Amino acid sequence: GVGGSSMAWFRQAPGGEREGVARINIDGTTKYAEF
């Protein structure tokens, strides 16, 4: 489940490419796109 896996949010604007927004690692650390 969410407590035992890495998960992320992506987004895609109309006409744009899918881009990573944020990630949470298994250890709970978080990573974000600069924007």
PDB file of all heavy atoms in Angstrom:
ATOM      1  N   GLY A   1       0.817  -1.188   0.000  1.00  0.00           N
ATOM      2  CA  GLY A   1       0.000   0.000   0.000  1.00  0.00           C
ATOM      3  C   GLY A   1       0.861   1.253   0.000  1.00  0.00           C
ATOM      4  O   GLY A   1       2.071   1.205  -0.215  1.00  0.00           O
ATOM      5  N   VAL A   2       0.243   2.379   0.272  1.00  0.00           N
ATOM      6  CA  VAL A   2       0.972   3.646   0.187  1.00  0.00           C
ATOM      7  C   VAL A   2       2.092   3.740   1.208  1.00  0.00           C
ATOM      8  O   VAL A   2       3.052   4.491   1.013  1.00  0.00           O
ATOM      9  CB  VAL A   2       0.017   4.849   0.335  1.00  0.00           C
ATOM     10  CG1 VAL A   2      -0.996   4.864  -0.802  1.00  0.00           C
ATOM     11  CG2 VAL A   2      -0.689   4.834   1.694  1.00  0.00           C
ATOM     12  N   GLY A   3       1.991   3.002   2.297  1.00  0.00           N
ATOM     13  CA  GLY A   3       3.037   3.037   3.304  1.00  0.00           C
ATOM     14  C   GLY A   3       4.266   2.224   2.958  1.00  0.00           C
ATOM     15  O   GLY A   3       5.321   2.393   3.584  1.00  0.00           O
ATOM     16  N   GLY A   4       4.165   1.359   1.975  1.00  0.00           N
ATOM     17  CA  GLY A   4       5.260   0.479   1.626  1.00  0.00           C
ATOM     18  C   GLY A   4       5.701   0.555   0.183  1.00  0.00           C
ATOM     19  O   GLY A   4       6.302  -0.394  -0.329  1.00  0.00           O
ATOM     20  N   SER A   5       5.416   1.644  -0.470  1.00  0.00           N
ATOM     21  CA  SER A   5       5.828   1.828  -1.846  1.00  0.00           C
ATOM     22  C   SER A   5       6.120   3.291  -2.111  1.00  0.00           C
ATOM     23  O   SER A   5       5.636   4.171  -1.390  1.00  0.00           O
ATOM     24  CB  SER A   5       4.744   1.335  -2.814  1.00  0.00           C
ATOM     25  OG  SER A   5       3.582   2.130  -2.692  1.00  0.00           O
ATOM     26  N   SER A   6       6.911   3.542  -3.135  1.00  0.00           N
ATOM     27  CA  SER A   6       7.106   4.912  -3.602  1.00  0.00           C
ATOM     28  C   SER A   6       5.943   5.290  -4.506  1.00  0.00           C
ATOM     29  O   SER A   6       5.489   4.491  -5.324  1.00  0.00           O
ATOM     30  CB  SER A   6       8.428   5.036  -4.354  1.00  0.00           C
ATOM     31  OG  SER A   6       9.523   4.799  -3.497  1.00  0.00           O
ATOM     32  N   MET A   7       5.464   6.500  -4.349  1.00  0.00           N
ATOM     33  CA  MET A   7       4.379   6.986  -5.167  1.00  0.00           C
ATOM     34  C   MET A   7       4.679   8.406  -5.613  1.00  0.00           C
ATOM     35  O   MET A   7       5.559   9.073  -5.063  1.00  0.00           O
ATOM     36  CB  MET A   7       3.047   6.933  -4.414  1.00  0.00           C
ATOM     37  CG  MET A   7       2.610   5.521  -4.055  1.00  0.00           C
ATOM     38  SD  MET A   7       0.919   5.435  -3.413  1.00  0.00           S
ATOM     39  CE  MET A   7      -0.021   5.832  -4.907  1.00  0.00           C
ATOM     40  N   ALA A   8       3.930   8.864  -6.611  1.00  0.00           N
ATOM     41  CA  ALA A   8       4.213  10.168  -7.190  1.00  0.00           C
ATOM     42  C   ALA A   8       2.955  10.773  -7.781  1.00  0.00           C
ATOM     43  O   ALA A   8       1.938  10.096  -7.983  1.00  0.00           O
ATOM     44  CB  ALA A   8       5.291  10.051  -8.269  1.00  0.00           C
ATOM     45  N   TRP A   9       3.051  12.057  -8.040  1.00  0.00           N
ATOM     46  CA  TRP A   9       2.050  12.793  -8.799  1.00  0.00           C
ATOM     47  C   TRP A   9       2.707  13.329 -10.066  1.00  0.00           C
ATOM     48  O   TRP A   9       3.804  13.903 -10.009  1.00  0.00           O
ATOM     49  CB  TRP A   9       1.464  13.953  -7.999  1.00  0.00           C
ATOM     50  CG  TRP A   9       0.619  13.531  -6.839  1.00  0.00           C
ATOM     51  CD1 TRP A   9       1.005  13.371  -5.549  1.00  0.00           C
ATOM     52  CD2 TRP A   9      -0.779  13.229  -6.876  1.00  0.00           C
ATOM     53  NE1 TRP A   9      -0.051  12.985  -4.772  1.00  0.00           N
ATOM     54  CE2 TRP A   9      -1.169  12.884  -5.559  1.00  0.00           C
ATOM     55  CE3 TRP A   9      -1.739  13.212  -7.892  1.00  0.00           C
ATOM     56  CZ2 TRP A   9      -2.473  12.531  -5.225  1.00  0.00           C
ATOM     57  CZ3 TRP A   9      -3.038  12.858  -7.566  1.00  0.00           C
ATOM     58  CH2 TRP A   9      -3.396  12.520  -6.253  1.00  0.00           C
ATOM     59  N   PHE A  10       2.027  13.137 -11.179  1.00  0.00           N
ATOM     60  CA  PHE A  10       2.419  13.708 -12.455  1.00  0.00           C
ATOM     61  C   PHE A  10       1.303  14.608 -12.954  1.00  0.00           C
ATOM     62  O   PHE A  10       0.164  14.524 -12.477  1.00  0.00           O
ATOM     63  CB  PHE A  10       2.689  12.609 -13.492  1.00  0.00           C
ATOM     64  CG  PHE A  10       3.991  11.881 -13.303  1.00  0.00           C
ATOM     65  CD1 PHE A  10       4.144  10.949 -12.289  1.00  0.00           C
ATOM     66  CD2 PHE A  10       5.061  12.118 -14.153  1.00  0.00           C
ATOM     67  CE1 PHE A  10       5.342  10.267 -12.120  1.00  0.00           C
ATOM     68  CE2 PHE A  10       6.265  11.444 -13.995  1.00  0.00           C
ATOM     69  CZ  PHE A  10       6.404  10.521 -12.982  1.00  0.00           C
ATOM     70  N   ARG A  11       1.606  15.448 -13.936  1.00  0.00           N
ATOM     71  CA  ARG A  11       0.569  16.264 -14.546  1.00  0.00           C
ATOM     72  C   ARG A  11       0.864  16.462 -16.025  1.00  0.00           C
ATOM     73  O   ARG A  11       2.012  16.365 -16.464  1.00  0.00           O
ATOM     74  CB  ARG A  11       0.434  17.617 -13.845  1.00  0.00           C
ATOM     75  CG  ARG A  11       1.578  18.587 -14.105  1.00  0.00           C
ATOM     76  CD  ARG A  11       1.404  19.828 -13.258  1.00  0.00           C
ATOM     77  NE  ARG A  11       2.354  20.874 -13.608  1.00  0.00           N
ATOM     78  CZ  ARG A  11       2.500  22.005 -12.933  1.00  0.00           C
ATOM     79  NH1 ARG A  11       1.738  22.247 -11.856  1.00  0.00           N
ATOM     80  NH2 ARG A  11       3.389  22.903 -13.329  1.00  0.00           N
ATOM     81  N   GLN A  12      -0.194  16.745 -16.770  1.00  0.00           N
ATOM     82  CA  GLN A  12      -0.066  16.973 -18.196  1.00  0.00           C
ATOM     83  C   GLN A  12      -1.043  18.060 -18.611  1.00  0.00           C
ATOM     84  O   GLN A  12      -2.258  17.900 -18.486  1.00  0.00           O
ATOM     85  CB  GLN A  12      -0.328  15.696 -18.991  1.00  0.00           C
ATOM     86  CG  GLN A  12      -0.064  15.830 -20.476  1.00  0.00           C
ATOM     87  CD  GLN A  12      -0.069  14.490 -21.188  1.00  0.00           C
ATOM     88  OE1 GLN A  12      -0.583  13.505 -20.668  1.00  0.00           O
ATOM     89  NE2 GLN A  12       0.506  14.448 -22.371  1.00  0.00           N
ATOM     90  N   ALA A  13      -0.509  19.173 -19.095  1.00  0.00           N
ATOM     91  CA  ALA A  13      -1.326  20.267 -19.590  1.00  0.00           C
ATOM     92  C   ALA A  13      -1.734  19.984 -21.030  1.00  0.00           C
ATOM     93  O   ALA A  13      -1.059  19.220 -21.735  1.00  0.00           O
ATOM     94  CB  ALA A  13      -0.559  21.581 -19.505  1.00  0.00           C
ATOM     95  N   PRO A  14      -2.825  20.597 -21.487  1.00  0.00           N
ATOM     96  CA  PRO A  14      -3.232  20.406 -22.882  1.00  0.00           C
ATOM     97  C   PRO A  14      -2.105  20.758 -23.839  1.00  0.00           C
ATOM     98  O   PRO A  14      -1.537  21.849 -23.764  1.00  0.00           O
ATOM     99  CB  PRO A  14      -4.421  21.356 -23.036  1.00  0.00           C
ATOM    100  CG  PRO A  14      -4.973  21.485 -21.653  1.00  0.00           C
ATOM    101  CD  PRO A  14      -3.770  21.463 -20.758  1.00  0.00           C
ATOM    102  N   GLY A  15      -1.772  19.842 -24.716  1.00  0.00           N
ATOM    103  CA  GLY A  15      -0.705  20.064 -25.670  1.00  0.00           C
ATOM    104  C   GLY A  15       0.690  19.945 -25.101  1.00  0.00           C
ATOM    105  O   GLY A  15       1.668  20.141 -25.837  1.00  0.00           O
ATOM    106  N   GLY A  16       0.802  19.641 -23.826  1.00  0.00           N
ATOM    107  CA  GLY A  16       2.095  19.543 -23.187  1.00  0.00           C
ATOM    108  C   GLY A  16       2.512  18.114 -22.912  1.00  0.00           C
ATOM    109  O   GLY A  16       1.788  17.166 -23.196  1.00  0.00           O
ATOM    110  N   GLU A  17       3.699  17.976 -22.355  1.00  0.00           N
ATOM    111  CA  GLU A  17       4.224  16.670 -21.995  1.00  0.00           C
ATOM    112  C   GLU A  17       3.899  16.354 -20.541  1.00  0.00           C
ATOM    113  O   GLU A  17       3.743  17.246 -19.708  1.00  0.00           O
ATOM    114  CB  GLU A  17       5.738  16.632 -22.200  1.00  0.00           C
ATOM    115  CG  GLU A  17       6.175  16.873 -23.630  1.00  0.00           C
ATOM    116  CD  GLU A  17       7.678  16.841 -23.787  1.00  0.00           C
ATOM    117  OE1 GLU A  17       8.386  16.799 -22.764  1.00  0.00           O
ATOM    118  OE2 GLU A  17       8.146  16.848 -24.940  1.00  0.00           O
ATOM    119  N   ARG A  18       3.806  15.075 -20.239  1.00  0.00           N
ATOM    120  CA  ARG A  18       3.588  14.671 -18.865  1.00  0.00           C
ATOM    121  C   ARG A  18       4.864  14.918 -18.067  1.00  0.00           C
ATOM    122  O   ARG A  18       5.958  14.541 -18.495  1.00  0.00           O
ATOM    123  CB  ARG A  18       3.189  13.200 -18.793  1.00  0.00           C
ATOM    124  CG  ARG A  18       2.780  12.746 -17.396  1.00  0.00           C
ATOM    125  CD  ARG A  18       2.096  11.385 -17.417  1.00  0.00           C
ATOM    126  NE  ARG A  18       0.846  11.429 -18.169  1.00  0.00           N
ATOM    127  CZ  ARG A  18      -0.011  10.425 -18.235  1.00  0.00           C
ATOM    128  NH1 ARG A  18       0.232   9.286 -17.593  1.00  0.00           N
ATOM    129  NH2 ARG A  18      -1.118  10.548 -18.955  1.00  0.00           N
ATOM    130  N   GLU A  19       4.716  15.560 -16.930  1.00  0.00           N
ATOM    131  CA  GLU A  19       5.866  15.924 -16.125  1.00  0.00           C
ATOM    132  C   GLU A  19       5.663  15.528 -14.674  1.00  0.00           C
ATOM    133  O   GLU A  19       4.556  15.582 -14.142  1.00  0.00           O
ATOM    134  CB  GLU A  19       6.143  17.426 -16.230  1.00  0.00           C
ATOM    135  CG  GLU A  19       4.981  18.304 -15.811  1.00  0.00           C
ATOM    136  CD  GLU A  19       5.217  19.768 -16.081  1.00  0.00           C
ATOM    137  OE1 GLU A  19       6.301  20.134 -16.564  1.00  0.00           O
ATOM    138  OE2 GLU A  19       4.302  20.577 -15.800  1.00  0.00           O
ATOM    139  N   GLY A  20       6.750  15.143 -14.039  1.00  0.00           N
ATOM    140  CA  GLY A  20       6.701  14.776 -12.641  1.00  0.00           C
ATOM    141  C   GLY A  20       6.500  15.992 -11.762  1.00  0.00           C
ATOM    142  O   GLY A  20       7.117  17.037 -11.977  1.00  0.00           O
ATOM    143  N   VAL A  21       5.657  15.856 -10.758  1.00  0.00           N
ATOM    144  CA  VAL A  21       5.341  16.937  -9.842  1.00  0.00           C
ATOM    145  C   VAL A  21       5.951  16.701  -8.466  1.00  0.00           C
ATOM    146  O   VAL A  21       6.618  17.572  -7.907  1.00  0.00           O
ATOM    147  CB  VAL A  21       3.821  17.122  -9.717  1.00  0.00           C
ATOM    148  CG1 VAL A  21       3.483  18.161  -8.653  1.00  0.00           C
ATOM    149  CG2 VAL A  21       3.221  17.511 -11.060  1.00  0.00           C
ATOM    150  N   ALA A  22       5.719  15.526  -7.904  1.00  0.00           N
ATOM    151  CA  ALA A  22       6.189  15.233  -6.558  1.00  0.00           C
ATOM    152  C   ALA A  22       6.278  13.729  -6.370  1.00  0.00           C
ATOM    153  O   ALA A  22       5.548  12.965  -7.001  1.00  0.00           O
ATOM    154  CB  ALA A  22       5.257  15.834  -5.505  1.00  0.00           C
ATOM    155  N   ARG A  23       7.165  13.319  -5.481  1.00  0.00           N
ATOM    156  CA  ARG A  23       7.368  11.900  -5.183  1.00  0.00           C
ATOM    157  C   ARG A  23       7.543  11.729  -3.682  1.00  0.00           C
ATOM    158  O   ARG A  23       8.135  12.583  -3.020  1.00  0.00           O
ATOM    159  CB  ARG A  23       8.606  11.366  -5.900  1.00  0.00           C
ATOM    160  CG  ARG A  23       9.022   9.947  -5.508  1.00  0.00           C
ATOM    161  CD  ARG A  23      10.370   9.586  -6.120  1.00  0.00           C
ATOM    162  NE  ARG A  23      10.882   8.303  -5.650  1.00  0.00           N
ATOM    163  CZ  ARG A  23      10.757   7.152  -6.302  1.00  0.00           C
ATOM    164  NH1 ARG A  23      10.141   7.108  -7.483  1.00  0.00           N
ATOM    165  NH2 ARG A  23      11.266   6.033  -5.794  1.00  0.00           N
ATOM    166  N   ILE A  24       7.051  10.623  -3.163  1.00  0.00           N
ATOM    167  CA  ILE A  24       7.348  10.243  -1.795  1.00  0.00           C
ATOM    168  C   ILE A  24       7.986   8.867  -1.827  1.00  0.00           C
ATOM    169  O   ILE A  24       7.427   7.914  -2.377  1.00  0.00           O
ATOM    170  CB  ILE A  24       6.094  10.295  -0.891  1.00  0.00           C
ATOM    171  CG1 ILE A  24       6.478   9.990   0.558  1.00  0.00           C
ATOM    172  CG2 ILE A  24       4.993   9.373  -1.380  1.00  0.00           C
ATOM    173  CD1 ILE A  24       5.399  10.385   1.555  1.00  0.00           C
ATOM    174  N   ASN A  25       9.206   8.768  -1.279  1.00  0.00           N
ATOM    175  CA  ASN A  25       9.931   7.511  -1.238  1.00  0.00           C
ATOM    176  C   ASN A  25       9.372   6.618  -0.136  1.00  0.00           C
ATOM    177  O   ASN A  25       8.588   7.046   0.712  1.00  0.00           O
ATOM    178  CB  ASN A  25      11.417   7.758  -1.007  1.00  0.00           C
ATOM    179  CG  ASN A  25      12.142   8.274  -2.227  1.00  0.00           C
ATOM    180  OD1 ASN A  25      12.159   7.624  -3.270  1.00  0.00           O
ATOM    181  ND2 ASN A  25      12.764   9.446  -2.098  1.00  0.00           N
ATOM    182  N   ILE A  26       9.820   5.365  -0.148  1.00  0.00           N
ATOM    183  CA  ILE A  26       9.378   4.405   0.865  1.00  0.00           C
ATOM    184  C   ILE A  26       9.721   4.887   2.270  1.00  0.00           C
ATOM    185  O   ILE A  26       8.944   4.682   3.212  1.00  0.00           O
ATOM    186  CB  ILE A  26       9.993   3.026   0.596  1.00  0.00           C
ATOM    187  CG1 ILE A  26       9.407   2.428  -0.685  1.00  0.00           C
ATOM    188  CG2 ILE A  26       9.756   2.084   1.773  1.00  0.00           C
ATOM    189  CD1 ILE A  26      10.063   1.133  -1.111  1.00  0.00           C
ATOM    190  N   ASP A  27      10.866   5.559   2.418  1.00  0.00           N
ATOM    191  CA  ASP A  27      11.281   6.032   3.733  1.00  0.00           C
ATOM    192  C   ASP A  27      10.589   7.323   4.146  1.00  0.00           C
ATOM    193  O   ASP A  27      10.878   7.869   5.214  1.00  0.00           O
ATOM    194  CB  ASP A  27      12.793   6.197   3.804  1.00  0.00           C
ATOM    195  CG  ASP A  27      13.330   7.291   2.895  1.00  0.00           C
ATOM    196  OD1 ASP A  27      12.549   7.897   2.146  1.00  0.00           O
ATOM    197  OD2 ASP A  27      14.553   7.536   2.941  1.00  0.00           O
ATOM    198  N   GLY A  28       9.687   7.834   3.317  1.00  0.00           N
ATOM    199  CA  GLY A  28       8.927   9.024   3.639  1.00  0.00           C
ATOM    200  C   GLY A  28       9.523  10.325   3.159  1.00  0.00           C
ATOM    201  O   GLY A  28       8.880  11.376   3.282  1.00  0.00           O
ATOM    202  N   THR A  29      10.736  10.301   2.630  1.00  0.00           N
ATOM    203  CA  THR A  29      11.313  11.521   2.089  1.00  0.00           C
ATOM    204  C   THR A  29      10.555  11.945   0.845  1.00  0.00           C
ATOM    205  O   THR A  29      10.038  11.112   0.096  1.00  0.00           O
ATOM    206  CB  THR A  29      12.800  11.343   1.764  1.00  0.00           C
ATOM    207  OG1 THR A  29      12.962  10.249   0.846  1.00  0.00           O
ATOM    208  CG2 THR A  29      13.587  11.045   3.032  1.00  0.00           C
ATOM    209  N   THR A  30      10.487  13.233   0.623  1.00  0.00           N
ATOM    210  CA  THR A  30       9.714  13.781  -0.483  1.00  0.00           C
ATOM    211  C   THR A  30      10.598  14.551  -1.443  1.00  0.00           C
ATOM    212  O   THR A  30      11.586  15.178  -1.040  1.00  0.00           O
ATOM    213  CB  THR A  30       8.588  14.687   0.028  1.00  0.00           C
ATOM    214  OG1 THR A  30       9.149  15.719   0.847  1.00  0.00           O
ATOM    215  CG2 THR A  30       7.599  13.885   0.874  1.00  0.00           C
ATOM    216  N   LYS A  31      10.214  14.513  -2.715  1.00  0.00           N
ATOM    217  CA  LYS A  31      10.953  15.185  -3.776  1.00  0.00           C
ATOM    218  C   LYS A  31       9.966  15.958  -4.628  1.00  0.00           C
ATOM    219  O   LYS A  31       8.870  15.472  -4.928  1.00  0.00           O
ATOM    220  CB  LYS A  31      11.718  14.165  -4.634  1.00  0.00           C
ATOM    221  CG  LYS A  31      12.593  13.199  -3.829  1.00  0.00           C
ATOM    222  CD  LYS A  31      13.671  13.931  -3.057  1.00  0.00           C
ATOM    223  CE  LYS A  31      14.443  12.983  -2.153  1.00  0.00           C
ATOM    224  NZ  LYS A  31      15.484  13.711  -1.375  1.00  0.00           N
ATOM    225  N   TYR A  32      10.369  17.154  -5.043  1.00  0.00           N
ATOM    226  CA  TYR A  32       9.474  18.031  -5.780  1.00  0.00           C
ATOM    227  C   TYR A  32      10.135  18.588  -7.022  1.00  0.00           C
ATOM    228  O   TYR A  32      11.340  18.870  -7.039  1.00  0.00           O
ATOM    229  CB  TYR A  32       9.030  19.203  -4.909  1.00  0.00           C
ATOM    230  CG  TYR A  32       8.235  18.791  -3.700  1.00  0.00           C
ATOM    231  CD1 TYR A  32       8.857  18.597  -2.474  1.00  0.00           C
ATOM    232  CD2 TYR A  32       6.862  18.594  -3.783  1.00  0.00           C
ATOM    233  CE1 TYR A  32       8.134  18.213  -1.356  1.00  0.00           C
ATOM    234  CE2 TYR A  32       6.130  18.208  -2.671  1.00  0.00           C
ATOM    235  CZ  TYR A  32       6.768  18.020  -1.468  1.00  0.00           C
ATOM    236  OH  TYR A  32       6.044  17.642  -0.360  1.00  0.00           O
ATOM    237  N   ALA A  33       9.328  18.767  -8.055  1.00  0.00           N
ATOM    238  CA  ALA A  33       9.768  19.550  -9.191  1.00  0.00           C
ATOM    239  C   ALA A  33       9.941  20.997  -8.746  1.00  0.00           C
ATOM    240  O   ALA A  33       9.205  21.490  -7.884  1.00  0.00           O
ATOM    241  CB  ALA A  33       8.749  19.466 -10.329  1.00  0.00           C
ATOM    242  N   GLU A  34      10.900  21.681  -9.340  1.00  0.00           N
ATOM    243  CA  GLU A  34      11.199  23.036  -8.923  1.00  0.00           C
ATOM    244  C   GLU A  34      10.001  23.969  -9.083  1.00  0.00           C
ATOM    245  O   GLU A  34       9.817  24.890  -8.280  1.00  0.00           O
ATOM    246  CB  GLU A  34      12.399  23.580  -9.703  1.00  0.00           C
ATOM    247  CG  GLU A  34      12.939  24.890  -9.159  1.00  0.00           C
ATOM    248  CD  GLU A  34      13.452  24.762  -7.739  1.00  0.00           C
ATOM    249  OE1 GLU A  34      13.985  23.698  -7.384  1.00  0.00           O
ATOM    250  OE2 GLU A  34      13.302  25.742  -6.972  1.00  0.00           O
ATOM    251  N   PHE A  35       9.175  23.720 -10.070  1.00  0.00           N
ATOM    252  CA  PHE A  35       8.076  24.640 -10.337  1.00  0.00           C
ATOM    253  C   PHE A  35       6.938  24.553  -9.324  1.00  0.00           C
ATOM    254  O   PHE A  35       6.022  25.385  -9.356  1.00  0.00           O
ATOM    255  CB  PHE A  35       7.543  24.453 -11.770  1.00  0.00           C
ATOM    256  CG  PHE A  35       7.168  23.043 -12.138  1.00  0.00           C
ATOM    257  CD1 PHE A  35       5.957  22.508 -11.766  1.00  0.00           C
ATOM    258  CD2 PHE A  35       8.041  22.263 -12.885  1.00  0.00           C
ATOM    259  CE1 PHE A  35       5.605  21.215 -12.119  1.00  0.00           C
ATOM    260  CE2 PHE A  35       7.708  20.966 -13.246  1.00  0.00           C
ATOM    261  CZ  PHE A  35       6.487  20.442 -12.853  1.00  0.00           C
TER     262      PHE A  35
END
